[in-house]
C-alpha cells in the first residue's frame, strides 16, 4: 500500500531539523505547518504486509518544498535590497543560484525550480517566530 507523508522543515543553528507525519493528501492547501516550521514537502512510502510483518520501502517521489515563511528573492533582488550581504551574493553568483527564500530573521535558503513560497497573510508568516 502506498502511503503519503508530509515532512516539515525547522531552521536550526547549523543545519535544519525535520519531522514527518502521515497525510491523506499531497495537496498543500490542506496542510497546516506546526509552530516553528518554515516549510514542508511530500513523499511516499510503499508498505507491504507479508505473514503479519509490515515491510517499509524507501522514501520516494519527493515534492519540492512549500515555504510557509519567507520571501522569494532573485540575485538581482538580493543585490538591490541586501547589498551588505556580500557572502550571500558571492555564494549565489559562484554556485549559479537563481533564487533564494529569505526569512525575517535573515536566514536564506536556496530555492530550487520545484520549490514554492506560498503567499500567506503576513500574520501567519510572523506567527512562526522566524
Protein backbone atom coordinates (compact mmCIF):
# COMPACT_ATOMS: atom_id res chain seq x y z
CA UNK A 1 0.00 0.00 0.00
CA UNK A 2 1.31 3.44 -0.94
CA UNK A 3 1.31 5.88 1.98
CA UNK A 4 1.76 9.65 1.75
CA UNK A 5 3.81 11.65 4.25
CA UNK A 6 4.45 15.32 4.87
CA UNK A 7 7.88 16.36 6.13
CA UNK A 8 8.32 19.67 7.97
CA UNK A 9 11.49 21.77 7.98
CA UNK A 10 12.54 23.74 11.05
CA UNK A 11 15.52 26.11 10.91
CA UNK A 12 18.42 25.05 13.09
CA UNK A 13 21.52 26.82 14.29
CA UNK A 14 23.83 24.89 11.95
CA UNK A 15 21.51 22.59 9.97
CA UNK A 16 17.76 22.28 9.62
CA UNK A 17 15.70 19.84 11.66
CA UNK A 18 12.86 17.71 10.29
CA UNK A 19 9.74 15.90 11.39
CA UNK A 20 7.34 13.75 9.35
CA UNK A 21 3.79 12.52 9.70
CA UNK A 22 1.35 10.56 7.55
CA UNK A 23 -1.10 12.57 5.44
CA UNK A 24 -4.14 11.66 3.37
CA UNK A 25 -3.30 14.13 0.62
CA UNK A 26 -0.39 15.69 -1.23
CA UNK A 27 -2.36 18.90 -1.75
CA UNK A 28 -0.56 21.77 0.04
CA UNK A 29 -3.77 23.71 0.68
CA UNK A 30 -4.78 21.06 3.24
CA UNK A 31 -1.54 21.20 5.23
CA UNK A 32 -1.05 23.37 8.29
CA UNK A 33 2.58 23.67 9.32
CA UNK A 34 3.30 23.24 13.04
CA UNK A 35 4.65 26.10 15.10
CA UNK A 36 8.25 26.85 14.12
CA UNK A 37 8.18 25.05 10.76
CA UNK A 38 9.21 27.17 7.78
CA UNK A 39 8.43 24.68 5.01
CA UNK A 40 7.03 21.28 4.15
CA UNK A 41 7.25 18.74 1.35
CA UNK A 42 5.61 15.46 0.48
CA UNK A 43 6.97 11.99 -0.12
CA UNK A 44 5.59 8.49 -0.48
CA UNK A 45 6.46 5.14 1.09
CA UNK A 46 5.36 1.71 -0.10
CA UNK A 47 4.34 -0.63 2.72
CA UNK A 48 3.60 -4.33 2.27
CA UNK A 49 2.40 -6.75 4.91
CA UNK A 50 3.56 -10.36 4.49
CA UNK A 51 2.73 -13.01 7.10
CA UNK A 52 1.81 -10.31 9.62
CA UNK A 53 5.07 -8.39 9.17
CA UNK A 54 4.96 -4.93 7.60
CA UNK A 55 7.85 -4.14 5.31
CA UNK A 56 8.53 -0.49 4.58
CA UNK A 57 10.24 0.70 1.40
CA UNK A 58 12.47 3.72 0.94
CA UNK A 59 11.08 7.25 0.82
CA UNK A 60 10.37 8.24 -2.80
CA UNK A 61 8.59 10.75 -5.03
CA UNK A 62 9.62 13.83 -3.07
CA UNK A 63 7.84 17.06 -3.97
CA UNK A 64 9.54 20.42 -3.89
CA UNK A 65 9.49 22.42 -0.68
CA UNK A 66 6.47 24.60 0.09
CA UNK A 67 7.73 27.53 2.18
CA UNK A 68 5.17 28.98 4.59
CA UNK A 69 7.53 31.67 5.86
CA UNK A 70 9.78 33.97 3.89
CA UNK A 71 10.03 35.73 0.58
CA UNK A 72 11.43 34.55 -2.75
CA UNK A 73 14.28 36.73 -3.97
CA UNK A 74 16.33 36.69 -7.15
CA UNK A 75 20.03 37.54 -7.25
CA UNK A 76 19.07 41.00 -8.53
CA UNK A 77 16.66 41.44 -5.58
CA UNK A 78 19.40 40.48 -3.11
CA UNK A 79 21.92 42.86 -4.73
CA UNK A 80 19.41 45.73 -4.63
CA UNK A 81 17.80 45.12 -1.21
CA UNK A 82 20.64 43.47 0.73
CA UNK A 83 23.85 44.99 -0.65
CA UNK A 84 25.72 44.34 2.62
CA UNK A 85 25.15 40.54 2.27
CA UNK A 86 28.38 40.09 0.28
CA UNK A 87 28.79 36.41 1.25
CA UNK A 88 25.25 35.57 0.13
CA UNK A 89 25.71 37.45 -3.15
CA UNK A 90 29.06 35.73 -3.73
CA UNK A 91 27.58 32.30 -2.96
CA UNK A 92 24.67 32.90 -5.31
CA UNK A 93 26.99 34.05 -8.10
CA UNK A 94 29.58 31.31 -7.72
CA UNK A 95 27.04 28.50 -7.28
CA UNK A 96 24.67 29.61 -10.03
CA UNK A 97 21.75 30.16 -7.64
CA UNK A 98 18.90 31.97 -9.35
CA UNK A 99 16.65 32.36 -6.31
CA UNK A 100 16.68 32.16 -2.53
CA UNK A 101 14.00 32.35 0.12
CA UNK A 102 14.78 34.97 2.74
CA UNK A 103 13.30 34.67 6.23
CA UNK A 104 12.59 37.64 8.53
CA UNK A 105 15.49 36.58 10.80
CA UNK A 106 17.99 36.95 7.92
CA UNK A 107 18.48 33.25 7.12
CA UNK A 108 18.32 32.36 3.44
CA UNK A 109 17.91 29.00 1.70
CA UNK A 110 18.35 28.23 -1.97
CA UNK A 111 15.10 27.91 -3.89
CA UNK A 112 15.13 25.12 -6.45
CA UNK A 113 12.85 25.26 -9.53
CA UNK A 114 10.35 22.86 -7.91
CA UNK A 115 10.14 24.88 -4.64
CA UNK A 116 7.31 27.32 -3.97
CA UNK A 117 6.99 30.18 -1.49
CA UNK A 118 3.31 30.21 -0.57
CA UNK A 119 1.54 33.52 -0.50
CA UNK A 120 0.17 33.72 3.04
CA UNK A 121 -1.25 36.54 5.15
CA UNK A 122 1.55 38.39 6.90
CA UNK A 123 0.26 37.48 10.37
CA UNK A 124 0.78 33.76 9.62
CA UNK A 125 4.30 34.38 8.36
CA UNK A 126 5.18 36.12 11.59
CA UNK A 127 3.46 33.56 13.80
CA UNK A 128 6.27 31.06 13.33
CA UNK A 129 8.81 33.30 15.01
CA UNK A 130 11.27 33.11 12.13
